[in-house]
Amino acid sequence: LSYSGHGGQVRNDDGDRPLGFDDTICPVDFRESGQITSEVLH
């Protein structure tokens, strides 16, 4: 599996990330449908 595109971050509400954010990837329609978070990807 490979992905090349924009990556982002959103606030993490679980308190389990040292930086306070979850990583995300940005589908082509992320403005309308949102980013895909690391938990969803896992």
All heavy atoms as atom14 arrays in JSON, in Angstrom:
{
  "sequence": "LSYSGHGGQVRNDDGDRPLGFDDTICPVDFRESGQITSEVLH",
  "atom14_mask": [
    [1, 1, 1, 1, 1, 1, 1, 1, 0, 0, 0, 0, 0, 0],
    [1, 1, 1, 1, 1, 1, 0, 0, 0, 0, 0, 0, 0, 0],
    [1, 1, 1, 1, 1, 1, 1, 1, 1, 1, 1, 1, 0, 0],
    [1, 1, 1, 1, 1, 1, 0, 0, 0, 0, 0, 0, 0, 0],
    [1, 1, 1, 1, 0, 0, 0, 0, 0, 0, 0, 0, 0, 0],
    [1, 1, 1, 1, 1, 1, 1, 1, 1, 1, 0, 0, 0, 0],
    [1, 1, 1, 1, 0, 0, 0, 0, 0, 0, 0, 0, 0, 0],
    [1, 1, 1, 1, 0, 0, 0, 0, 0, 0, 0, 0, 0, 0],
    [1, 1, 1, 1, 1, 1, 1, 1, 1, 0, 0, 0, 0, 0],
    [1, 1, 1, 1, 1, 1, 1, 0, 0, 0, 0, 0, 0, 0],
    [1, 1, 1, 1, 1, 1, 1, 1, 1, 1, 1, 0, 0, 0],
    [1, 1, 1, 1, 1, 1, 1, 1, 0, 0, 0, 0, 0, 0],
    [1, 1, 1, 1, 1, 1, 1, 1, 0, 0, 0, 0, 0, 0],
    [1, 1, 1, 1, 1, 1, 1, 1, 0, 0, 0, 0, 0, 0],
    [1, 1, 1, 1, 0, 0, 0, 0, 0, 0, 0, 0, 0, 0],
    [1, 1, 1, 1, 1, 1, 1, 1, 0, 0, 0, 0, 0, 0],
    [1, 1, 1, 1, 1, 1, 1, 1, 1, 1, 1, 0, 0, 0],
    [1, 1, 1, 1, 1, 1, 1, 0, 0, 0, 0, 0, 0, 0],
    [1, 1, 1, 1, 1, 1, 1, 1, 0, 0, 0, 0, 0, 0],
    [1, 1, 1, 1, 0, 0, 0, 0, 0, 0, 0, 0, 0, 0],
    [1, 1, 1, 1, 1, 1, 1, 1, 1, 1, 1, 0, 0, 0],
    [1, 1, 1, 1, 1, 1, 1, 1, 0, 0, 0, 0, 0, 0],
    [1, 1, 1, 1, 1, 1, 1, 1, 0, 0, 0, 0, 0, 0],
    [1, 1, 1, 1, 1, 1, 1, 0, 0, 0, 0, 0, 0, 0],
    [1, 1, 1, 1, 1, 1, 1, 1, 0, 0, 0, 0, 0, 0],
    [1, 1, 1, 1, 1, 1, 0, 0, 0, 0, 0, 0, 0, 0],
    [1, 1, 1, 1, 1, 1, 1, 0, 0, 0, 0, 0, 0, 0],
    [1, 1, 1, 1, 1, 1, 1, 0, 0, 0, 0, 0, 0, 0],
    [1, 1, 1, 1, 1, 1, 1, 1, 0, 0, 0, 0, 0, 0],
    [1, 1, 1, 1, 1, 1, 1, 1, 1, 1, 1, 0, 0, 0],
    [1, 1, 1, 1, 1, 1, 1, 1, 1, 1, 1, 0, 0, 0],
    [1, 1, 1, 1, 1, 1, 1, 1, 1, 0, 0, 0, 0, 0],
    [1, 1, 1, 1, 1, 1, 0, 0, 0, 0, 0, 0, 0, 0],
    [1, 1, 1, 1, 0, 0, 0, 0, 0, 0, 0, 0, 0, 0],
    [1, 1, 1, 1, 1, 1, 1, 1, 1, 0, 0, 0, 0, 0],
    [1, 1, 1, 1, 1, 1, 1, 1, 0, 0, 0, 0, 0, 0],
    [1, 1, 1, 1, 1, 1, 1, 0, 0, 0, 0, 0, 0, 0],
    [1, 1, 1, 1, 1, 1, 0, 0, 0, 0, 0, 0, 0, 0],
    [1, 1, 1, 1, 1, 1, 1, 1, 1, 0, 0, 0, 0, 0],
    [1, 1, 1, 1, 1, 1, 1, 0, 0, 0, 0, 0, 0, 0],
    [1, 1, 1, 1, 1, 1, 1, 1, 0, 0, 0, 0, 0, 0],
    [1, 1, 1, 1, 1, 1, 1, 1, 1, 1, 0, 0, 0, 0]
  ],
  "atom14_positions": [
    [[0.85, -1.19, 0.0], [0.0, 0.0, 0.0], [0.88, 1.23, 0.0], [1.78, 1.36, 0.83], [-0.9, 0.03, 1.24], [-1.65, 1.33, 1.51], [-2.65, 1.64, 0.4], [-2.35, 1.28, 2.86], [0.0, 0.0, 0.0], [0.0, 0.0, 0.0], [0.0, 0.0, 0.0], [0.0, 0.0, 0.0], [0.0, 0.0, 0.0], [0.0, 0.0, 0.0]],
    [[0.65, 2.14, -0.95], [1.38, 3.4, -0.93], [0.42, 4.55, -1.15], [-0.58, 4.43, -1.86], [2.51, 3.44, -1.98], [2.02, 3.18, -3.28], [0.0, 0.0, 0.0], [0.0, 0.0, 0.0], [0.0, 0.0, 0.0], [0.0, 0.0, 0.0], [0.0, 0.0, 0.0], [0.0, 0.0, 0.0], [0.0, 0.0, 0.0], [0.0, 0.0, 0.0]],
    [[0.74, 5.66, -0.5], [-0.07, 6.88, -0.61], [0.88, 8.06, -0.75], [1.83, 8.21, 0.03], [-0.94, 7.08, 0.63], [-1.58, 8.45, 0.71], [-2.75, 8.74, 0.01], [-1.0, 9.47, 1.47], [-3.32, 10.01, 0.06], [-1.57, 10.73, 1.54], [-2.73, 10.99, 0.84], [-3.29, 12.25, 0.88], [0.0, 0.0, 0.0], [0.0, 0.0, 0.0]],
    [[0.6, 8.88, -1.75], [1.35, 10.12, -1.95], [0.34, 11.24, -2.15], [-0.48, 11.2, -3.08], [2.27, 10.0, -3.17], [3.06, 11.16, -3.33], [0.0, 0.0, 0.0], [0.0, 0.0, 0.0], [0.0, 0.0, 0.0], [0.0, 0.0, 0.0], [0.0, 0.0, 0.0], [0.0, 0.0, 0.0], [0.0, 0.0, 0.0], [0.0, 0.0, 0.0]],
    [[0.36, 12.21, -1.27], [-0.6, 13.3, -1.3], [-0.43, 14.15, -0.07], [0.62, 14.12, 0.59], [0.0, 0.0, 0.0], [0.0, 0.0, 0.0], [0.0, 0.0, 0.0], [0.0, 0.0, 0.0], [0.0, 0.0, 0.0], [0.0, 0.0, 0.0], [0.0, 0.0, 0.0], [0.0, 0.0, 0.0], [0.0, 0.0, 0.0], [0.0, 0.0, 0.0]],
    [[-1.44, 14.91, 0.26], [-1.38, 15.73, 1.46], [-1.63, 14.88, 2.71], [-2.49, 13.99, 2.71], [-2.41, 16.85, 1.41], [-1.97, 18.05, 0.62], [-0.83, 18.77, 0.92], [-2.52, 18.65, -0.47], [-0.7, 19.77, 0.06], [-1.7, 19.72, -0.8], [0.0, 0.0, 0.0], [0.0, 0.0, 0.0], [0.0, 0.0, 0.0], [0.0, 0.0, 0.0]],
    [[-0.88, 15.18, 3.74], [-1.14, 14.64, 5.07], [-1.43, 15.79, 6.01], [-0.93, 16.91, 5.82], [0.0, 0.0, 0.0], [0.0, 0.0, 0.0], [0.0, 0.0, 0.0], [0.0, 0.0, 0.0], [0.0, 0.0, 0.0], [0.0, 0.0, 0.0], [0.0, 0.0, 0.0], [0.0, 0.0, 0.0], [0.0, 0.0, 0.0], [0.0, 0.0, 0.0]],
    [[-2.23, 15.55, 7.0], [-2.57, 16.6, 7.95], [-2.62, 16.07, 9.37], [-2.17, 14.95, 9.66], [0.0, 0.0, 0.0], [0.0, 0.0, 0.0], [0.0, 0.0, 0.0], [0.0, 0.0, 0.0], [0.0, 0.0, 0.0], [0.0, 0.0, 0.0], [0.0, 0.0, 0.0], [0.0, 0.0, 0.0], [0.0, 0.0, 0.0], [0.0, 0.0, 0.0]],
    [[-3.18, 16.87, 10.26], [-3.35, 16.47, 11.65], [-4.65, 17.05, 12.19], [-5.05, 18.15, 11.79], [-2.18, 16.94, 12.51], [-0.86, 16.23, 12.22], [0.25, 16.66, 13.17], [0.45, 17.83, 13.44], [0.97, 15.69, 13.69], [0.0, 0.0, 0.0], [0.0, 0.0, 0.0], [0.0, 0.0, 0.0], [0.0, 0.0, 0.0], [0.0, 0.0, 0.0]],
    [[-5.28, 16.3, 13.07], [-6.46, 16.79, 13.79], [-6.23, 16.54, 15.27], [-5.44, 15.68, 15.66], [-7.75, 16.1, 13.32], [-8.04, 16.43, 11.86], [-7.68, 14.59, 13.52], [0.0, 0.0, 0.0], [0.0, 0.0, 0.0], [0.0, 0.0, 0.0], [0.0, 0.0, 0.0], [0.0, 0.0, 0.0], [0.0, 0.0, 0.0], [0.0, 0.0, 0.0]],
    [[-6.91, 17.3, 16.08], [-6.78, 17.16, 17.52], [-7.12, 15.74, 17.97], [-8.1, 15.16, 17.52], [-7.71, 18.14, 18.25], [-7.17, 19.56, 18.34], [-6.06, 19.64, 19.36], [-5.57, 21.0, 19.52], [-4.57, 21.33, 20.3], [-3.93, 20.41, 20.98], [-4.18, 22.59, 20.39], [0.0, 0.0, 0.0], [0.0, 0.0, 0.0], [0.0, 0.0, 0.0]],
    [[-6.3, 15.21, 18.87], [-6.55, 13.89, 19.44], [-7.28, 14.05, 20.77], [-6.83, 14.77, 21.65], [-5.21, 13.17, 19.64], [-5.35, 11.92, 20.48], [-5.24, 11.97, 21.69], [-5.58, 10.8, 19.83], [0.0, 0.0, 0.0], [0.0, 0.0, 0.0], [0.0, 0.0, 0.0], [0.0, 0.0, 0.0], [0.0, 0.0, 0.0], [0.0, 0.0, 0.0]],
    [[-8.42, 13.37, 20.89], [-9.23, 13.5, 22.1], [-8.97, 12.38, 23.1], [-9.5, 12.41, 24.21], [-10.72, 13.51, 21.73], [-11.1, 14.72, 20.89], [-10.53, 15.8, 21.12], [-11.96, 14.57, 19.99], [0.0, 0.0, 0.0], [0.0, 0.0, 0.0], [0.0, 0.0, 0.0], [0.0, 0.0, 0.0], [0.0, 0.0, 0.0], [0.0, 0.0, 0.0]],
    [[-8.16, 11.38, 22.72], [-7.92, 10.25, 23.61], [-6.81, 10.52, 24.63], [-6.69, 9.8, 25.62], [-7.53, 9.0, 22.8], [-8.66, 8.54, 21.89], [-9.82, 8.81, 22.22], [-8.36, 7.93, 20.84], [0.0, 0.0, 0.0], [0.0, 0.0, 0.0], [0.0, 0.0, 0.0], [0.0, 0.0, 0.0], [0.0, 0.0, 0.0], [0.0, 0.0, 0.0]],
    [[-5.96, 11.53, 24.34], [-4.85, 11.82, 25.23], [-3.71, 10.83, 25.14], [-2.87, 10.76, 26.04], [0.0, 0.0, 0.0], [0.0, 0.0, 0.0], [0.0, 0.0, 0.0], [0.0, 0.0, 0.0], [0.0, 0.0, 0.0], [0.0, 0.0, 0.0], [0.0, 0.0, 0.0], [0.0, 0.0, 0.0], [0.0, 0.0, 0.0], [0.0, 0.0, 0.0]],
    [[-3.65, 10.05, 24.04], [-2.61, 9.03, 23.93], [-1.51, 9.4, 22.94], [-0.66, 8.58, 22.63], [-3.22, 7.67, 23.54], [-3.94, 7.69, 22.2], [-4.02, 8.77, 21.6], [-4.43, 6.62, 21.77], [0.0, 0.0, 0.0], [0.0, 0.0, 0.0], [0.0, 0.0, 0.0], [0.0, 0.0, 0.0], [0.0, 0.0, 0.0], [0.0, 0.0, 0.0]],
    [[-1.51, 10.64, 22.43], [-0.47, 11.07, 21.51], [0.38, 12.15, 22.15], [-0.15, 13.16, 22.64], [-1.06, 11.59, 20.2], [-2.01, 10.65, 19.51], [-1.47, 9.23, 19.37], [-0.21, 9.15, 18.64], [0.82, 8.42, 19.05], [0.77, 7.73, 20.16], [1.91, 8.38, 18.34], [0.0, 0.0, 0.0], [0.0, 0.0, 0.0], [0.0, 0.0, 0.0]],
    [[1.7, 12.0, 22.16], [2.58, 12.98, 22.8], [2.43, 14.39, 22.24], [2.58, 15.36, 22.96], [3.99, 12.44, 22.51], [3.81, 11.0, 22.23], [2.45, 10.85, 21.61], [0.0, 0.0, 0.0], [0.0, 0.0, 0.0], [0.0, 0.0, 0.0], [0.0, 0.0, 0.0], [0.0, 0.0, 0.0], [0.0, 0.0, 0.0], [0.0, 0.0, 0.0]],
    [[2.13, 14.5, 20.94], [2.01, 15.82, 20.33], [0.59, 16.37, 20.39], [0.34, 17.51, 20.01], [2.47, 15.78, 18.87], [3.88, 15.25, 18.62], [4.24, 15.36, 17.15], [4.9, 15.98, 19.46], [0.0, 0.0, 0.0], [0.0, 0.0, 0.0], [0.0, 0.0, 0.0], [0.0, 0.0, 0.0], [0.0, 0.0, 0.0], [0.0, 0.0, 0.0]],
    [[-0.37, 15.55, 20.84], [-1.74, 16.02, 20.96], [-2.56, 15.95, 19.68], [-3.67, 16.48, 19.63], [0.0, 0.0, 0.0], [0.0, 0.0, 0.0], [0.0, 0.0, 0.0], [0.0, 0.0, 0.0], [0.0, 0.0, 0.0], [0.0, 0.0, 0.0], [0.0, 0.0, 0.0], [0.0, 0.0, 0.0], [0.0, 0.0, 0.0], [0.0, 0.0, 0.0]],
    [[-2.03, 15.31, 18.62], [-2.71, 15.25, 17.34], [-2.71, 13.83, 16.78], [-1.81, 13.04, 17.05], [-2.03, 16.17, 16.31], [-2.08, 17.62, 16.65], [-1.02, 18.23, 17.32], [-3.18, 18.39, 16.32], [-1.06, 19.58, 17.64], [-3.22, 19.74, 16.63], [-2.16, 20.33, 17.29], [0.0, 0.0, 0.0], [0.0, 0.0, 0.0], [0.0, 0.0, 0.0]],
    [[-3.73, 13.53, 15.98], [-3.75, 12.32, 15.16], [-3.35, 12.7, 13.74], [-3.76, 13.75, 13.23], [-5.15, 11.71, 15.11], [-5.51, 10.96, 16.38], [-4.59, 10.46, 17.06], [-6.71, 10.89, 16.7], [0.0, 0.0, 0.0], [0.0, 0.0, 0.0], [0.0, 0.0, 0.0], [0.0, 0.0, 0.0], [0.0, 0.0, 0.0], [0.0, 0.0, 0.0]],
    [[-2.54, 11.86, 13.1], [-2.18, 12.07, 11.71], [-3.38, 11.77, 10.81], [-4.26, 10.97, 11.16], [-1.02, 11.17, 11.3], [0.25, 11.49, 12.05], [0.35, 12.59, 12.63], [1.16, 10.63, 12.07], [0.0, 0.0, 0.0], [0.0, 0.0, 0.0], [0.0, 0.0, 0.0], [0.0, 0.0, 0.0], [0.0, 0.0, 0.0], [0.0, 0.0, 0.0]],
    [[-3.41, 12.38, 9.64], [-4.49, 12.15, 8.68], [-3.92, 12.09, 7.27], [-2.8, 12.56, 7.02], [-5.54, 13.27, 8.71], [-4.93, 14.5, 8.25], [-6.11, 13.48, 10.11], [0.0, 0.0, 0.0], [0.0, 0.0, 0.0], [0.0, 0.0, 0.0], [0.0, 0.0, 0.0], [0.0, 0.0, 0.0], [0.0, 0.0, 0.0], [0.0, 0.0, 0.0]],
    [[-4.72, 11.53, 6.35], [-4.45, 11.71, 4.93], [-5.64, 12.46, 4.33], [-6.74, 12.46, 4.9], [-4.19, 10.39, 4.19], [-5.43, 9.48, 4.22], [-2.97, 9.69, 4.76], [-5.31, 8.26, 3.31], [0.0, 0.0, 0.0], [0.0, 0.0, 0.0], [0.0, 0.0, 0.0], [0.0, 0.0, 0.0], [0.0, 0.0, 0.0], [0.0, 0.0, 0.0]],
    [[-5.41, 13.08, 3.17], [-6.42, 13.95, 2.57], [-6.85, 13.42, 1.21], [-6.14, 13.59, 0.21], [-5.86, 15.37, 2.41], [-5.36, 16.14, 3.98], [0.0, 0.0, 0.0], [0.0, 0.0, 0.0], [0.0, 0.0, 0.0], [0.0, 0.0, 0.0], [0.0, 0.0, 0.0], [0.0, 0.0, 0.0], [0.0, 0.0, 0.0], [0.0, 0.0, 0.0]],
    [[-8.01, 12.78, 1.14], [-8.54, 12.37, -0.17], [-8.78, 13.6, -1.04], [-8.77, 14.74, -0.57], [-9.87, 11.68, 0.18], [-9.79, 11.39, 1.65], [-8.92, 12.44, 2.24], [0.0, 0.0, 0.0], [0.0, 0.0, 0.0], [0.0, 0.0, 0.0], [0.0, 0.0, 0.0], [0.0, 0.0, 0.0], [0.0, 0.0, 0.0], [0.0, 0.0, 0.0]],
    [[-9.03, 13.37, -2.31], [-9.23, 14.49, -3.23], [-10.43, 15.34, -2.82], [-10.47, 16.55, -3.08], [-9.36, 13.96, -4.68], [-10.66, 13.18, -4.87], [-9.27, 15.11, -5.69], [0.0, 0.0, 0.0], [0.0, 0.0, 0.0], [0.0, 0.0, 0.0], [0.0, 0.0, 0.0], [0.0, 0.0, 0.0], [0.0, 0.0, 0.0], [0.0, 0.0, 0.0]],
    [[-11.41, 14.72, -2.14], [-12.62, 15.45, -1.71], [-12.6, 15.77, -0.22], [-13.66, 15.88, 0.4], [-13.87, 14.63, -2.06], [-13.92, 13.29, -1.33], [-12.85, 12.82, -0.85], [-15.02, 12.71, -1.25], [0.0, 0.0, 0.0], [0.0, 0.0, 0.0], [0.0, 0.0, 0.0], [0.0, 0.0, 0.0], [0.0, 0.0, 0.0], [0.0, 0.0, 0.0]],
    [[-11.41, 15.95, 0.35], [-11.35, 16.13, 1.81], [-12.06, 17.39, 2.28], [-12.53, 17.45, 3.42], [-9.89, 16.12, 2.29], [-9.11, 17.39, 2.01], [-9.02, 18.39, 2.97], [-8.45, 17.57, 0.8], [-8.28, 19.54, 2.73], [-7.72, 18.71, 0.54], [-7.64, 19.71, 1.51], [0.0, 0.0, 0.0], [0.0, 0.0, 0.0], [0.0, 0.0, 0.0]],
    [[-12.18, 18.4, 1.43], [-12.9, 19.61, 1.82], [-14.38, 19.32, 2.07], [-15.01, 19.92, 2.95], [-12.77, 20.69, 0.73], [-11.45, 21.42, 0.71], [-11.29, 22.29, 1.92], [-10.23, 23.27, 1.78], [-9.84, 24.08, 2.76], [-10.45, 24.05, 3.92], [-8.86, 24.93, 2.55], [0.0, 0.0, 0.0], [0.0, 0.0, 0.0], [0.0, 0.0, 0.0]],
    [[-14.93, 18.41, 1.29], [-16.35, 18.07, 1.43], [-16.57, 16.91, 2.39], [-17.52, 16.92, 3.18], [-16.95, 17.69, 0.07], [-16.94, 18.79, -0.98], [-15.57, 19.0, -1.62], [-14.79, 18.02, -1.7], [-15.27, 20.15, -2.02], [0.0, 0.0, 0.0], [0.0, 0.0, 0.0], [0.0, 0.0, 0.0], [0.0, 0.0, 0.0], [0.0, 0.0, 0.0]],
    [[-15.69, 15.91, 2.33], [-15.93, 14.67, 3.07], [-15.02, 14.48, 4.28], [-15.2, 13.52, 5.04], [-15.76, 13.47, 2.13], [-16.65, 13.57, 1.03], [0.0, 0.0, 0.0], [0.0, 0.0, 0.0], [0.0, 0.0, 0.0], [0.0, 0.0, 0.0], [0.0, 0.0, 0.0], [0.0, 0.0, 0.0], [0.0, 0.0, 0.0], [0.0, 0.0, 0.0]],
    [[-14.04, 15.37, 4.44], [-13.16, 15.28, 5.6], [-11.9, 14.47, 5.34], [-11.77, 13.76, 4.36], [0.0, 0.0, 0.0], [0.0, 0.0, 0.0], [0.0, 0.0, 0.0], [0.0, 0.0, 0.0], [0.0, 0.0, 0.0], [0.0, 0.0, 0.0], [0.0, 0.0, 0.0], [0.0, 0.0, 0.0], [0.0, 0.0, 0.0], [0.0, 0.0, 0.0]],
    [[-10.97, 14.6, 6.27], [-9.73, 13.85, 6.23], [-9.96, 12.46, 6.84], [-10.93, 12.25, 7.57], [-8.65, 14.59, 7.01], [-8.39, 16.01, 6.49], [-7.44, 16.79, 7.37], [-6.38, 16.3, 7.74], [-7.81, 18.02, 7.71], [0.0, 0.0, 0.0], [0.0, 0.0, 0.0], [0.0, 0.0, 0.0], [0.0, 0.0, 0.0], [0.0, 0.0, 0.0]],
    [[-9.09, 11.54, 6.52], [-9.16, 10.19, 7.07], [-8.11, 10.08, 8.17], [-6.91, 10.23, 7.92], [-8.92, 9.12, 6.0], [-9.9, 9.3, 4.83], [-9.07, 7.72, 6.6], [-9.65, 8.32, 3.68], [0.0, 0.0, 0.0], [0.0, 0.0, 0.0], [0.0, 0.0, 0.0], [0.0, 0.0, 0.0], [0.0, 0.0, 0.0], [0.0, 0.0, 0.0]],
    [[-8.54, 9.83, 9.39], [-7.64, 9.85, 10.53], [-6.86, 8.54, 10.66], [-7.23, 7.5, 10.1], [-8.4, 10.08, 11.85], [-9.23, 8.94, 12.11], [-9.26, 11.33, 11.77], [0.0, 0.0, 0.0], [0.0, 0.0, 0.0], [0.0, 0.0, 0.0], [0.0, 0.0, 0.0], [0.0, 0.0, 0.0], [0.0, 0.0, 0.0], [0.0, 0.0, 0.0]],
    [[-5.8, 8.61, 11.46], [-4.95, 7.44, 11.66], [-5.7, 6.28, 12.3], [-5.47, 5.11, 11.96], [-3.74, 7.83, 12.52], [-4.15, 8.46, 13.73], [0.0, 0.0, 0.0], [0.0, 0.0, 0.0], [0.0, 0.0, 0.0], [0.0, 0.0, 0.0], [0.0, 0.0, 0.0], [0.0, 0.0, 0.0], [0.0, 0.0, 0.0], [0.0, 0.0, 0.0]],
    [[-6.62, 6.57, 13.21], [-7.38, 5.48, 13.83], [-8.29, 4.8, 12.8], [-8.39, 3.56, 12.75], [-8.22, 5.98, 15.0], [-9.02, 4.87, 15.66], [-9.86, 5.33, 16.84], [-9.62, 6.45, 17.35], [-10.76, 4.57, 17.26], [0.0, 0.0, 0.0], [0.0, 0.0, 0.0], [0.0, 0.0, 0.0], [0.0, 0.0, 0.0], [0.0, 0.0, 0.0]],
    [[-8.94, 5.6, 11.97], [-9.79, 5.03, 10.92], [-8.94, 4.19, 9.96], [-9.34, 3.09, 9.56], [-10.53, 6.15, 10.17], [-11.23, 5.61, 8.92], [-11.55, 6.82, 11.08], [0.0, 0.0, 0.0], [0.0, 0.0, 0.0], [0.0, 0.0, 0.0], [0.0, 0.0, 0.0], [0.0, 0.0, 0.0], [0.0, 0.0, 0.0], [0.0, 0.0, 0.0]],
    [[-7.77, 4.7, 9.6], [-6.9, 3.93, 8.71], [-6.48, 2.62, 9.34], [-6.46, 1.57, 8.67], [-5.67, 4.76, 8.34], [-5.91, 5.91, 7.35], [-4.67, 6.78, 7.23], [-6.33, 5.38, 5.98], [0.0, 0.0, 0.0], [0.0, 0.0, 0.0], [0.0, 0.0, 0.0], [0.0, 0.0, 0.0], [0.0, 0.0, 0.0], [0.0, 0.0, 0.0]],
    [[-6.13, 2.64, 10.6], [-5.73, 1.39, 11.26], [-6.86, 0.38, 11.25], [-6.66, -0.8, 10.92], [-5.28, 1.65, 12.69], [-4.76, 0.41, 13.37], [-3.42, 0.15, 13.54], [-5.41, -0.68, 13.87], [-3.26, -1.02, 14.12], [-4.47, -1.55, 14.34], [0.0, 0.0, 0.0], [0.0, 0.0, 0.0], [0.0, 0.0, 0.0], [0.0, 0.0, 0.0]]
  ]
}
